[in-house]
N, C-alpha and C. Protein backbone atom coordinates (compact mmCIF):
# COMPACT_ATOMS: atom_id res chain seq x y z
N MET A 1 -4.30 3.84 -53.67
CA MET A 1 -4.26 6.26 -53.16
C MET A 1 -3.58 6.01 -52.01
N ALA A 2 -3.12 6.92 -52.08
CA ALA A 2 -2.31 7.33 -50.47
C ALA A 2 -3.63 8.03 -50.32
N THR A 3 -4.46 7.75 -48.46
CA THR A 3 -4.89 8.27 -47.71
C THR A 3 -4.59 9.65 -46.36
N THR A 4 -4.99 10.47 -46.76
CA THR A 4 -5.11 11.35 -46.23
C THR A 4 -5.68 11.37 -44.86
N THR A 5 -4.80 11.66 -43.58
CA THR A 5 -5.62 12.26 -41.97
C THR A 5 -6.28 13.35 -42.08
N VAL A 6 -6.84 13.47 -41.70
CA VAL A 6 -7.81 14.71 -41.12
C VAL A 6 -6.51 14.86 -39.87
N GLN A 7 -6.13 16.09 -39.37
CA GLN A 7 -6.06 16.80 -37.94
C GLN A 7 -6.67 17.55 -37.15
N ARG A 8 -7.20 17.31 -36.41
CA ARG A 8 -8.84 18.46 -35.73
C ARG A 8 -7.85 19.03 -34.99
N PRO A 9 -8.08 20.52 -35.20
CA PRO A 9 -7.14 21.53 -34.64
C PRO A 9 -7.14 21.83 -33.33
N ARG A 10 -6.20 21.93 -32.60
CA ARG A 10 -6.10 22.19 -30.93
C ARG A 10 -7.10 23.04 -30.52
N LEU A 11 -7.71 22.06 -29.53
CA LEU A 11 -8.28 23.33 -28.82
C LEU A 11 -7.72 24.57 -27.81
N HIS A 12 -9.23 25.60 -28.15
CA HIS A 12 -7.85 26.71 -27.07
C HIS A 12 -9.61 26.22 -26.09
N LEU A 13 -8.86 26.34 -25.15
CA LEU A 13 -10.16 25.97 -23.97
C LEU A 13 -10.53 27.70 -22.42
N ARG A 14 -11.36 27.88 -22.42
CA ARG A 14 -11.77 29.18 -21.71
C ARG A 14 -12.30 29.28 -20.49
N PRO A 15 -12.24 30.06 -19.98
CA PRO A 15 -13.61 29.93 -18.87
C PRO A 15 -15.26 29.51 -19.12
N ASP A 16 -15.67 30.60 -20.75
CA ASP A 16 -16.81 29.86 -21.19
C ASP A 16 -16.83 28.91 -22.21
N SER A 17 -15.48 27.39 -21.43
CA SER A 17 -15.82 26.65 -22.74
C SER A 17 -16.41 25.33 -21.18
N ALA A 18 -17.17 25.66 -20.49
CA ALA A 18 -17.09 24.94 -19.20
C ALA A 18 -18.50 24.81 -19.81
N GLY A 19 -18.12 23.31 -19.29
CA GLY A 19 -20.06 22.60 -19.71
C GLY A 19 -20.25 22.19 -21.19
N ILE A 20 -18.91 21.85 -22.44
CA ILE A 20 -18.90 21.59 -22.97
C ILE A 20 -18.44 20.39 -22.97
N ARG A 21 -18.44 19.47 -24.48
CA ARG A 21 -18.45 17.63 -23.87
C ARG A 21 -16.47 17.30 -25.00
N LEU A 22 -16.09 16.76 -23.97
CA LEU A 22 -15.10 16.96 -24.50
C LEU A 22 -14.00 15.44 -24.64
N THR A 23 -13.49 14.38 -25.44
CA THR A 23 -12.86 13.50 -25.36
C THR A 23 -11.44 13.37 -24.47
N PRO A 24 -11.21 12.65 -23.75
CA PRO A 24 -9.96 12.88 -22.81
C PRO A 24 -8.25 12.98 -23.65
N ARG A 25 -8.83 12.22 -25.01
CA ARG A 25 -7.80 12.95 -25.39
C ARG A 25 -7.38 14.29 -25.89
N GLU A 26 -8.81 14.56 -26.39
CA GLU A 26 -9.04 16.31 -26.63
C GLU A 26 -8.79 17.48 -26.00
N PHE A 27 -9.05 16.35 -24.11
CA PHE A 27 -8.72 18.14 -23.11
C PHE A 27 -6.96 17.36 -23.10
N ASP A 28 -6.39 16.55 -22.83
CA ASP A 28 -5.28 16.42 -22.71
C ASP A 28 -3.94 17.60 -23.98
N GLN A 29 -5.22 17.01 -25.24
CA GLN A 29 -4.34 18.47 -25.88
C GLN A 29 -4.35 19.84 -25.60
N ALA A 30 -5.27 19.69 -25.19
CA ALA A 30 -5.90 21.48 -25.48
C ALA A 30 -4.71 22.78 -24.87
N ASP A 31 -5.37 23.67 -25.17
CA ASP A 31 -4.86 24.75 -24.55
C ASP A 31 -5.95 25.32 -23.63
N PHE A 32 -5.14 26.02 -22.44
CA PHE A 32 -6.30 26.30 -21.20
C PHE A 32 -5.37 27.40 -21.09
N LYS A 33 -7.00 28.69 -21.29
CA LYS A 33 -6.20 30.38 -20.21
C LYS A 33 -5.97 29.82 -18.98
N VAL A 34 -4.61 30.76 -18.63
CA VAL A 34 -3.99 30.72 -17.47
C VAL A 34 -5.55 31.16 -16.25
N GLY A 35 -5.34 31.38 -15.26
CA GLY A 35 -5.94 31.54 -14.19
C GLY A 35 -7.48 30.77 -13.94
N TRP A 36 -7.31 29.83 -14.38
CA TRP A 36 -8.41 29.22 -14.66
C TRP A 36 -8.77 27.67 -13.62
N ARG A 37 -8.69 26.53 -14.04
CA ARG A 37 -8.76 25.67 -12.90
C ARG A 37 -9.41 24.36 -14.10
N TYR A 38 -8.92 23.65 -14.72
CA TYR A 38 -9.96 23.15 -15.40
C TYR A 38 -10.10 21.68 -16.11
N GLU A 39 -11.15 20.73 -15.29
CA GLU A 39 -11.51 19.31 -15.46
C GLU A 39 -12.50 18.86 -16.29
N LEU A 40 -12.06 17.93 -15.98
CA LEU A 40 -12.57 16.91 -17.03
C LEU A 40 -13.27 15.51 -16.67
N ILE A 41 -14.72 15.70 -16.01
CA ILE A 41 -15.45 15.08 -15.70
C ILE A 41 -16.25 14.16 -16.27
N ASN A 42 -15.88 13.14 -16.26
CA ASN A 42 -18.09 11.97 -17.27
C ASN A 42 -18.07 12.69 -18.45
N GLY A 43 -16.87 13.27 -19.28
CA GLY A 43 -16.93 13.89 -20.57
C GLY A 43 -17.05 15.56 -20.30
N VAL A 44 -16.94 15.83 -19.62
CA VAL A 44 -17.82 17.56 -19.58
C VAL A 44 -16.99 17.65 -19.31
N LEU A 45 -16.28 19.46 -19.92
CA LEU A 45 -15.47 19.96 -18.93
C LEU A 45 -15.86 21.13 -18.29
N VAL A 46 -15.33 20.79 -17.00
CA VAL A 46 -15.84 21.91 -15.29
C VAL A 46 -14.73 22.98 -15.84
N VAL A 47 -14.79 24.39 -15.65
CA VAL A 47 -13.68 25.50 -14.88
C VAL A 47 -13.98 25.82 -13.46
N SER A 48 -13.29 26.36 -13.02
CA SER A 48 -13.41 26.55 -11.26
C SER A 48 -12.90 27.86 -11.24
N PRO A 49 -11.98 28.58 -10.94
CA PRO A 49 -11.71 29.74 -10.34
C PRO A 49 -10.18 29.10 -9.47
N THR A 50 -9.29 30.34 -9.52
CA THR A 50 -7.83 29.52 -8.65
C THR A 50 -8.34 29.51 -6.57
N PRO A 51 -7.02 28.48 -6.75
CA PRO A 51 -8.06 27.98 -4.86
C PRO A 51 -7.80 29.21 -4.43
N LEU A 52 -8.49 30.07 -3.69
CA LEU A 52 -8.12 30.98 -2.04
C LEU A 52 -7.32 30.91 -1.71
N GLU A 53 -6.31 32.24 -0.93
CA GLU A 53 -4.76 32.21 -0.49
C GLU A 53 -5.17 31.97 0.54
N MET A 54 -6.00 31.09 1.09
CA MET A 54 -6.68 30.81 2.71
C MET A 54 -6.12 28.74 2.47
N GLU A 55 -6.50 28.57 1.17
CA GLU A 55 -6.41 27.12 0.33
C GLU A 55 -4.37 27.43 -0.09
N ARG A 56 -4.30 28.74 -1.08
CA ARG A 56 -3.12 28.17 -1.66
C ARG A 56 -1.68 27.97 -0.44
N ASP A 57 -2.00 29.13 -0.01
CA ASP A 57 -1.06 29.21 1.64
C ASP A 57 -0.36 28.52 2.17
N PRO A 58 -1.28 27.52 2.86
CA PRO A 58 -0.99 26.09 4.22
C PRO A 58 -0.48 24.93 2.51
N ASN A 59 -1.14 25.32 1.83
CA ASN A 59 -0.09 24.70 0.61
C ASN A 59 1.24 24.71 -0.35
N GLU A 60 1.21 25.72 -0.30
CA GLU A 60 2.42 26.45 -0.33
C GLU A 60 3.61 26.02 0.34
N GLN A 61 2.79 26.34 1.60
CA GLN A 61 4.06 25.89 2.55
C GLN A 61 4.36 24.21 3.52
N LEU A 62 3.04 23.24 2.77
CA LEU A 62 3.14 21.72 2.85
C LEU A 62 4.55 21.49 1.23
N GLY A 63 4.76 21.83 0.58
CA GLY A 63 5.58 22.06 -0.30
C GLY A 63 6.83 22.10 0.03
N TYR A 64 7.04 23.25 1.23
CA TYR A 64 8.07 23.54 1.63
C TYR A 64 8.52 22.65 2.48
N TRP A 65 7.80 21.76 2.89
CA TRP A 65 8.48 21.37 4.36
C TRP A 65 9.18 19.50 3.52
N LEU A 66 7.57 19.63 2.33
CA LEU A 66 8.77 18.12 1.92
C LEU A 66 9.50 18.61 0.84
N ARG A 67 9.83 19.49 0.48
CA ARG A 67 10.81 19.84 -0.30
C ARG A 67 12.21 19.68 0.72
N LEU A 68 11.92 21.00 1.77
CA LEU A 68 12.99 20.56 3.12
C LEU A 68 13.62 18.87 2.93
N TYR A 69 11.89 18.70 3.33
CA TYR A 69 12.81 17.13 3.60
C TYR A 69 13.29 16.57 2.69
N HIS A 70 12.66 16.24 1.90
CA HIS A 70 14.11 16.49 0.13
C HIS A 70 15.76 16.36 0.32
N GLU A 71 15.65 17.45 0.36
CA GLU A 71 17.17 17.90 0.61
C GLU A 71 17.86 18.02 1.60
N THR A 72 16.98 18.03 2.79
CA THR A 72 18.13 17.84 4.22
C THR A 72 17.89 16.24 4.86
N HIS A 73 17.21 16.18 4.96
CA HIS A 73 16.80 14.79 5.76
C HIS A 73 18.05 13.40 5.16
N PRO A 74 17.58 12.64 5.98
CA PRO A 74 18.83 11.91 5.23
C PRO A 74 18.10 10.10 4.59
N GLN A 75 16.72 10.25 4.95
CA GLN A 75 15.82 9.30 3.67
C GLN A 75 15.29 9.91 2.89
N GLY A 76 15.46 11.74 2.86
CA GLY A 76 14.70 12.72 1.88
C GLY A 76 14.81 12.35 0.64
N LYS A 77 15.34 11.53 0.04
CA LYS A 77 15.11 11.44 -1.68
C LYS A 77 14.56 10.14 -1.59
N CYS A 78 13.62 9.06 -0.78
CA CYS A 78 12.52 8.84 -1.42
C CYS A 78 11.86 9.79 -2.70
N LEU A 79 11.82 10.68 -2.00
CA LEU A 79 10.25 11.51 -2.09
C LEU A 79 11.50 12.25 -3.85
N ASP A 80 10.98 11.71 -5.18
CA ASP A 80 11.15 12.19 -6.40
C ASP A 80 10.70 13.63 -6.71
N LYS A 81 9.38 14.16 -6.48
CA LYS A 81 8.33 15.50 -7.27
C LYS A 81 7.95 15.58 -6.05
N THR A 82 7.36 16.13 -6.02
CA THR A 82 6.17 17.23 -5.67
C THR A 82 6.15 18.58 -5.89
N LEU A 83 4.46 18.29 -6.63
CA LEU A 83 4.26 19.74 -7.56
C LEU A 83 2.45 20.06 -6.83
N PRO A 84 2.19 21.34 -6.95
CA PRO A 84 0.83 21.38 -6.24
C PRO A 84 0.10 22.38 -8.10
N GLU A 85 -1.04 22.11 -7.77
CA GLU A 85 -2.03 21.99 -9.05
C GLU A 85 -1.91 21.54 -10.33
N HIS A 86 -1.87 20.14 -10.26
CA HIS A 86 -1.49 19.30 -10.79
C HIS A 86 -3.01 18.29 -11.43
N THR A 87 -2.93 17.92 -13.15
CA THR A 87 -3.65 17.13 -13.26
C THR A 87 -3.99 15.59 -13.52
N VAL A 88 -4.25 14.86 -12.90
CA VAL A 88 -4.09 13.04 -12.48
C VAL A 88 -5.35 12.81 -13.30
N ARG A 89 -4.99 12.25 -13.70
CA ARG A 89 -5.64 11.09 -15.25
C ARG A 89 -6.36 9.72 -13.74
N THR A 90 -7.69 9.61 -14.56
CA THR A 90 -8.09 8.88 -12.88
C THR A 90 -9.07 8.06 -14.14
N GLY A 91 -9.20 7.05 -15.07
CA GLY A 91 -9.27 6.84 -15.51
C GLY A 91 -9.85 7.41 -17.07
N LYS A 92 -11.50 7.64 -17.19
CA LYS A 92 -11.47 9.09 -18.56
C LYS A 92 -11.20 10.41 -18.13
N ASN A 93 -11.01 10.36 -16.89
CA ASN A 93 -11.16 11.61 -15.57
C ASN A 93 -10.30 12.83 -15.26
N ARG A 94 -10.21 13.47 -15.17
CA ARG A 94 -8.79 14.59 -15.12
C ARG A 94 -9.44 15.26 -14.05
N ARG A 95 -8.56 15.18 -12.87
CA ARG A 95 -8.73 15.84 -11.16
C ARG A 95 -7.89 16.90 -11.76
N ARG A 96 -8.39 18.08 -10.97
CA ARG A 96 -7.13 19.17 -10.75
C ARG A 96 -6.77 18.62 -9.79
N ALA A 97 -5.78 18.52 -8.94
CA ALA A 97 -5.45 18.01 -7.40
C ALA A 97 -4.98 19.27 -6.98
N ASP A 98 -5.03 19.09 -5.64
CA ASP A 98 -3.96 20.82 -5.60
C ASP A 98 -2.30 20.13 -5.26
N ARG A 99 -2.09 19.27 -4.75
CA ARG A 99 -0.52 18.49 -4.47
C ARG A 99 -1.03 17.18 -4.80
N VAL A 100 0.46 17.10 -4.28
CA VAL A 100 0.86 15.62 -6.52
C VAL A 100 2.26 14.78 -5.61
N ILE A 101 2.09 13.92 -5.43
CA ILE A 101 3.57 13.22 -4.25
C ILE A 101 3.87 12.28 -4.98
N TRP A 102 5.31 12.29 -5.56
CA TRP A 102 5.81 10.71 -6.53
C TRP A 102 6.54 10.69 -4.77
N ILE A 103 7.20 9.25 -4.80
CA ILE A 103 7.91 8.77 -3.74
C ILE A 103 7.59 7.27 -4.35
N GLY A 104 9.63 6.87 -4.32
CA GLY A 104 10.20 5.90 -4.70
C GLY A 104 10.43 5.58 -6.20
N LEU A 105 10.57 6.67 -7.03
CA LEU A 105 10.53 5.94 -8.19
C LEU A 105 12.26 6.34 -8.81
N GLY A 106 12.92 6.98 -7.84
CA GLY A 106 14.77 6.63 -8.36
C GLY A 106 14.35 8.13 -9.14
N ARG A 107 13.50 8.95 -10.33
CA ARG A 107 13.69 9.57 -11.20
C ARG A 107 12.41 9.97 -11.63
N LEU A 108 12.45 11.13 -12.15
CA LEU A 108 11.55 11.83 -12.76
C LEU A 108 10.15 11.71 -12.27
N PRO A 109 8.85 12.12 -12.04
CA PRO A 109 7.71 11.07 -13.05
C PRO A 109 6.90 11.88 -13.97
N THR A 110 6.46 10.87 -14.87
CA THR A 110 6.32 10.58 -16.14
C THR A 110 5.20 11.16 -16.36
N LYS A 111 3.91 11.21 -17.18
CA LYS A 111 2.62 11.35 -17.21
C LYS A 111 1.83 9.89 -16.80
N LYS A 112 2.41 9.19 -17.12
CA LYS A 112 1.97 7.51 -16.63
C LYS A 112 2.08 7.55 -15.23
N ASP A 113 2.66 8.52 -14.48
CA ASP A 113 3.75 7.26 -13.71
C ASP A 113 2.20 7.58 -12.86
N VAL A 114 1.36 7.08 -11.76
CA VAL A 114 0.40 7.51 -10.69
C VAL A 114 1.38 8.12 -9.13
N PRO A 115 0.41 9.22 -8.79
CA PRO A 115 1.69 9.91 -7.86
C PRO A 115 1.61 9.01 -6.50
N SER A 116 2.25 8.62 -5.49
CA SER A 116 2.60 7.83 -4.58
C SER A 116 0.83 8.96 -3.88
N VAL A 117 1.00 9.85 -3.61
CA VAL A 117 0.36 10.48 -2.55
C VAL A 117 -0.69 11.34 -3.00
N VAL A 118 -1.57 11.74 -3.37
CA VAL A 118 -2.84 13.12 -3.45
C VAL A 118 -3.67 14.07 -2.45
N GLY A 119 -3.03 14.95 -2.44
CA GLY A 119 -3.81 16.05 -1.40
C GLY A 119 -4.37 17.41 -2.45
N GLU A 120 -6.13 17.63 -1.29
CA GLU A 120 -6.91 18.12 -1.34
C GLU A 120 -7.12 19.15 -0.30
N PHE A 121 -7.31 20.63 -0.05
CA PHE A 121 -7.51 21.61 0.44
C PHE A 121 -8.93 21.73 0.39
N VAL A 122 -9.90 21.45 1.37
CA VAL A 122 -11.16 21.41 0.76
C VAL A 122 -11.79 22.85 0.71
N SER A 123 -12.62 22.42 -0.19
CA SER A 123 -13.47 23.99 -0.15
C SER A 123 -14.50 24.14 0.35
N ALA A 124 -15.67 25.32 0.05
CA ALA A 124 -16.38 26.14 1.01
C ALA A 124 -17.66 25.19 0.84
N GLY A 125 -18.34 24.98 -0.44
CA GLY A 125 -19.64 24.78 -0.63
C GLY A 125 -19.71 23.05 -0.19
N ARG A 126 -21.45 23.18 -0.26
CA ARG A 126 -21.47 21.29 0.06
C ARG A 126 -21.11 20.25 -0.71
N ARG A 127 -20.99 21.20 -2.44
CA ARG A 127 -21.33 19.47 -3.25
C ARG A 127 -19.37 19.44 -3.53
N ASP A 128 -19.02 20.71 -2.80
CA ASP A 128 -17.11 20.84 -2.53
C ASP A 128 -16.87 20.03 -2.06
N ARG A 129 -17.64 19.95 -0.85
CA ARG A 129 -16.84 18.67 0.33
C ARG A 129 -16.83 17.61 -0.19
N GLU A 130 -18.24 16.94 -0.76
CA GLU A 130 -19.05 15.81 -1.66
C GLU A 130 -17.53 14.97 -2.37
N ARG A 131 -17.33 16.25 -3.61
CA ARG A 131 -16.18 16.17 -4.28
C ARG A 131 -15.14 15.53 -4.00
N ASP A 132 -15.02 15.85 -2.33
CA ASP A 132 -13.09 16.20 -2.12
C ASP A 132 -13.10 14.56 -0.98
N TYR A 133 -14.12 14.75 -0.40
CA TYR A 133 -13.90 13.25 0.53
C TYR A 133 -14.43 12.39 -0.42
N ILE A 134 -15.62 12.06 -1.01
CA ILE A 134 -15.49 10.97 -1.54
C ILE A 134 -16.22 10.27 -2.91
N ASP A 135 -15.97 11.48 -4.15
CA ASP A 135 -15.55 11.13 -5.36
C ASP A 135 -14.40 10.73 -5.35
N LYS A 136 -12.88 12.45 -5.39
CA LYS A 136 -11.86 11.99 -5.15
C LYS A 136 -10.84 10.83 -5.13
N ARG A 137 -11.91 10.95 -3.71
CA ARG A 137 -10.75 9.89 -3.12
C ARG A 137 -11.14 8.44 -3.14
N ASP A 138 -12.12 7.52 -4.32
CA ASP A 138 -12.76 6.63 -4.54
C ASP A 138 -11.59 6.72 -6.34
N GLU A 139 -11.94 8.09 -6.36
CA GLU A 139 -11.48 7.71 -8.10
C GLU A 139 -9.62 7.56 -7.97
N TYR A 140 -9.22 8.50 -6.42
CA TYR A 140 -7.65 8.36 -6.77
C TYR A 140 -6.65 6.47 -6.43
N LEU A 141 -7.76 6.38 -5.48
CA LEU A 141 -7.27 4.55 -5.35
C LEU A 141 -7.70 4.24 -5.81
N ALA A 142 -8.43 4.03 -6.65
CA ALA A 142 -8.61 3.57 -7.95
C ALA A 142 -7.73 3.37 -9.07
N ILE A 143 -6.49 4.07 -9.12
CA ILE A 143 -5.49 3.96 -9.62
C ILE A 143 -4.54 4.10 -9.01
N GLY A 144 -4.26 3.71 -8.13
CA GLY A 144 -3.74 2.86 -7.48
C GLY A 144 -2.52 4.30 -6.48
N VAL A 145 -3.48 5.54 -5.75
CA VAL A 145 -2.42 6.10 -5.12
C VAL A 145 -2.67 5.43 -3.94
N ASP A 146 -1.21 5.88 -3.33
CA ASP A 146 -1.35 5.54 -1.90
C ASP A 146 -2.30 5.27 -0.87
N GLU A 147 -2.17 7.41 -0.88
CA GLU A 147 -2.23 7.84 0.65
C GLU A 147 -3.07 9.20 0.27
N TYR A 148 -4.25 9.46 0.58
CA TYR A 148 -5.14 10.41 -0.04
C TYR A 148 -4.88 11.76 1.00
N TRP A 149 -4.67 12.21 1.35
CA TRP A 149 -4.62 13.79 2.68
C TRP A 149 -5.77 14.66 1.87
N VAL A 150 -6.74 14.94 2.95
CA VAL A 150 -7.76 15.97 3.30
C VAL A 150 -7.67 16.89 4.26
N PHE A 151 -6.88 18.00 3.59
CA PHE A 151 -6.82 18.82 4.08
C PHE A 151 -8.16 19.81 4.65
N ASP A 152 -8.89 19.15 5.44
CA ASP A 152 -10.07 20.59 6.20
C ASP A 152 -9.94 21.90 6.63
N ARG A 153 -10.16 23.10 6.38
CA ARG A 153 -9.62 24.29 7.15
C ARG A 153 -10.96 24.01 7.94
N PHE A 154 -12.49 23.57 7.77
CA PHE A 154 -13.36 23.91 8.01
C PHE A 154 -13.40 23.41 9.38
N GLN A 155 -13.10 21.83 9.03
CA GLN A 155 -13.18 21.23 11.24
C GLN A 155 -11.98 20.64 11.58
N ARG A 156 -10.76 21.92 10.46
CA ARG A 156 -9.52 21.40 11.60
C ARG A 156 -9.01 20.01 11.71
N THR A 157 -9.29 19.18 10.10
CA THR A 157 -8.83 18.22 10.46
C THR A 157 -7.81 17.69 9.22
N LEU A 158 -6.94 17.11 9.45
CA LEU A 158 -7.12 15.90 8.45
C LEU A 158 -7.58 14.67 8.31
N SER A 159 -7.51 13.94 6.76
CA SER A 159 -8.09 12.82 6.69
C SER A 159 -6.97 12.02 6.36
N VAL A 160 -6.84 10.64 6.60
CA VAL A 160 -6.11 10.49 5.26
C VAL A 160 -7.07 8.75 4.95
N PHE A 161 -6.64 9.08 3.42
CA PHE A 161 -7.37 7.93 3.17
C PHE A 161 -6.78 6.46 2.19
N PHE A 162 -6.75 5.36 2.20
CA PHE A 162 -5.85 4.35 2.67
C PHE A 162 -6.16 3.34 1.87
N ARG A 163 -6.44 2.45 0.79
CA ARG A 163 -6.45 0.16 0.69
C ARG A 163 -6.28 -0.08 1.25
N ARG A 164 -6.61 -0.58 2.12
CA ARG A 164 -6.50 -2.48 2.51
C ARG A 164 -7.40 -3.76 2.30
N GLY A 165 -6.51 -3.66 1.17
CA GLY A 165 -6.66 -5.16 0.73
C GLY A 165 -8.40 -4.34 -0.78
N ALA A 166 -9.97 -5.13 0.21
CA ALA A 166 -10.83 -4.51 -1.37
C ALA A 166 -11.61 -3.72 -0.61
N ARG A 167 -11.35 -2.67 0.60
CA ARG A 167 -11.84 -2.22 1.51
C ARG A 167 -10.61 -0.90 1.79
N ILE A 168 -11.79 0.47 1.89
CA ILE A 168 -11.22 1.79 2.50
C ILE A 168 -10.53 2.12 3.64
N GLY A 169 -9.63 2.57 3.65
CA GLY A 169 -9.19 2.68 5.54
C GLY A 169 -8.98 4.54 5.08
N LYS A 170 -9.11 4.45 7.11
CA LYS A 170 -9.75 6.54 7.05
C LYS A 170 -8.26 5.99 8.25
N ARG A 171 -8.12 7.92 8.63
CA ARG A 171 -7.79 7.78 9.45
C ARG A 171 -7.85 9.67 9.87
N VAL A 172 -8.39 10.33 11.17
CA VAL A 172 -8.36 11.06 11.24
C VAL A 172 -7.54 12.06 12.39
N LEU A 173 -7.23 12.83 11.50
CA LEU A 173 -6.60 13.84 12.83
C LEU A 173 -6.26 15.23 12.94
N ALA A 174 -6.47 16.05 14.95
CA ALA A 174 -6.91 16.61 14.85
C ALA A 174 -6.04 17.62 14.75
N GLU A 175 -6.03 18.51 14.74
CA GLU A 175 -5.16 19.55 14.42
C GLU A 175 -4.29 20.04 15.56
N CYS A 176 -4.11 19.25 16.67
CA CYS A 176 -3.44 19.60 17.94
C CYS A 176 -1.76 18.81 17.41
N ASP A 177 -2.37 17.26 16.13
CA ASP A 177 -1.14 16.05 15.68
C ASP A 177 -0.37 17.06 14.68
N VAL A 178 0.45 16.13 14.75
CA VAL A 178 1.20 15.88 14.14
C VAL A 178 2.09 14.62 13.36
N TYR A 179 1.46 14.46 12.05
CA TYR A 179 1.23 12.81 11.14
C TYR A 179 2.37 12.91 10.13
N THR A 180 2.48 11.61 10.37
CA THR A 180 4.12 10.88 9.69
C THR A 180 2.74 9.86 9.55
N THR A 181 4.00 9.51 8.15
CA THR A 181 3.68 7.91 6.85
C THR A 181 5.24 7.49 6.67
N PRO A 182 4.43 6.30 6.75
CA PRO A 182 5.51 5.37 6.44
C PRO A 182 6.45 5.15 4.90
N LEU A 183 5.51 6.05 4.02
CA LEU A 183 6.01 6.46 2.17
C LEU A 183 6.95 7.61 2.94
N LEU A 184 7.27 8.27 3.82
CA LEU A 184 7.63 9.33 4.21
C LEU A 184 8.98 9.41 5.40
N PRO A 185 9.72 8.53 4.97
CA PRO A 185 10.57 8.07 6.86
C PRO A 185 10.99 9.14 7.44
N GLY A 186 10.82 9.85 9.01
CA GLY A 186 11.13 10.95 8.76
C GLY A 186 10.52 12.56 9.30
N PHE A 187 9.27 12.22 8.43
CA PHE A 187 9.10 13.52 7.46
C PHE A 187 7.23 14.20 8.65
N GLU A 188 7.55 14.76 9.38
CA GLU A 188 6.67 14.95 10.39
C GLU A 188 5.77 16.60 9.49
N LEU A 189 4.25 17.05 9.06
CA LEU A 189 3.04 17.68 9.08
C LEU A 189 3.16 18.21 10.49
N PRO A 190 3.11 19.23 11.31
CA PRO A 190 2.22 19.78 12.17
C PRO A 190 1.60 20.25 11.75
N LEU A 191 0.55 19.15 12.21
CA LEU A 191 -1.00 20.58 11.53
C LEU A 191 -1.42 21.76 11.65
N ARG A 192 -1.46 21.96 13.44
CA ARG A 192 -1.46 23.35 13.83
C ARG A 192 -0.97 24.23 12.91
N THR A 193 0.58 24.46 12.99
CA THR A 193 0.93 25.38 11.81
C THR A 193 0.45 25.16 10.19
N LEU A 194 0.23 24.50 10.50
CA LEU A 194 -0.85 24.18 8.64
C LEU A 194 -1.69 25.64 8.81
N PHE A 195 -3.01 25.11 9.94
CA PHE A 195 -4.40 25.36 9.93
C PHE A 195 -3.75 27.20 10.29
N ALA A 196 -2.61 27.25 10.66
CA ALA A 196 -2.44 28.76 11.36
C ALA A 196 -2.44 29.83 10.52
N LEU A 197 -1.58 29.59 9.07
CA LEU A 197 -1.27 30.19 8.22
C LEU A 197 -3.23 30.33 7.44
N VAL A 198 -4.02 29.39 7.90
CA VAL A 198 -5.69 30.36 6.98
C VAL A 198 -6.23 31.08 8.15
N ASP A 199 -6.16 31.41 9.49
CA ASP A 199 -6.33 31.70 10.41
C ASP A 199 -5.40 33.22 9.65
N ASP A 200 -5.59 34.04 9.27
CA ASP A 200 -4.11 34.64 9.03
C ASP A 200 -4.45 35.19 8.20
N TRP A 201 -6.02 34.55 7.45
CA TRP A 201 -6.90 35.18 5.46
C TRP A 201 -7.06 35.52 6.28
N GLN A 202 -7.61 34.74 7.81
CA GLN A 202 -9.29 34.71 7.27
C GLN A 202 -9.64 36.14 8.63
N ALA A 203 -7.92 36.45 9.52
CA ALA A 203 -8.21 37.85 10.53
C ALA A 203 -8.00 38.31 9.78
N ASP A 204 -7.65 38.05 8.16
CA ASP A 204 -7.01 39.80 7.15
C ASP A 204 -8.28 40.34 6.39
N GLU A 205 -8.96 39.30 6.32
CA GLU A 205 -10.56 39.11 5.73
C GLU A 205 -11.53 40.19 6.28
N GLU A 206 -11.60 39.67 7.59
CA GLU A 206 -12.72 40.44 8.66
C GLU A 206 -11.61 42.03 9.11
C-alpha cells in the first residue's frame, strides 16, 4: 500500500510573528514580509526593523569600494561576491548580517559556502552591542569565517576578529586608520571616510 507524505504549508512570516518557535528548515522555507529583518536564534523567530540610514549608508559605501576593487584592481578577482543584508547559517541559528564577502572560490557562492568575511554595523542598544561583539563573533568564527568586522559608529572604531588556532584574535583600528587585510591584497578601507557618512546623517537629524 502506497504511503502519502503530508507536506506542511509554507509559512508566511510577518513582524507580528516574532517570538514563535521554528525549526531551521521551517525558517529556510518560509516567506517573509519585506521591510523587516528576520533571524532565528535558539529556535525563536526574532524580527527587527531595517538598519538606520547612518548604518545603511556606510554599508553601501563599503560595498561600492569592494566592487570597485573587484573590477579595477589587478588582484581584485580574488573577491568572488559581496552582498548586504544576507542571512548566514550558523548551526541551528540564522543570523542576518549587514555585509558578507566571499573570497577565493573562483565562482559564485552557494548557500553552503561560508563567507570569508562578515561585517556588522553596531546599533545603539546595550543588548545589540553584546550581540554584535560577542554572540555573533563566536557564531561566525565557529563556522569558519576568516574575519569578522565590527564597525562601531559610537566608538569610531573597527574591530577585526579572527581565529588563531584555539584562540580568538582581535585588532582594533581607530578612525584615523586605513584597514588592509591579506585576504584582499591591495584593498584599502579608509575608516575616516566611512564614519564621515555617519556624521552627515547625525547632522541632518539635529
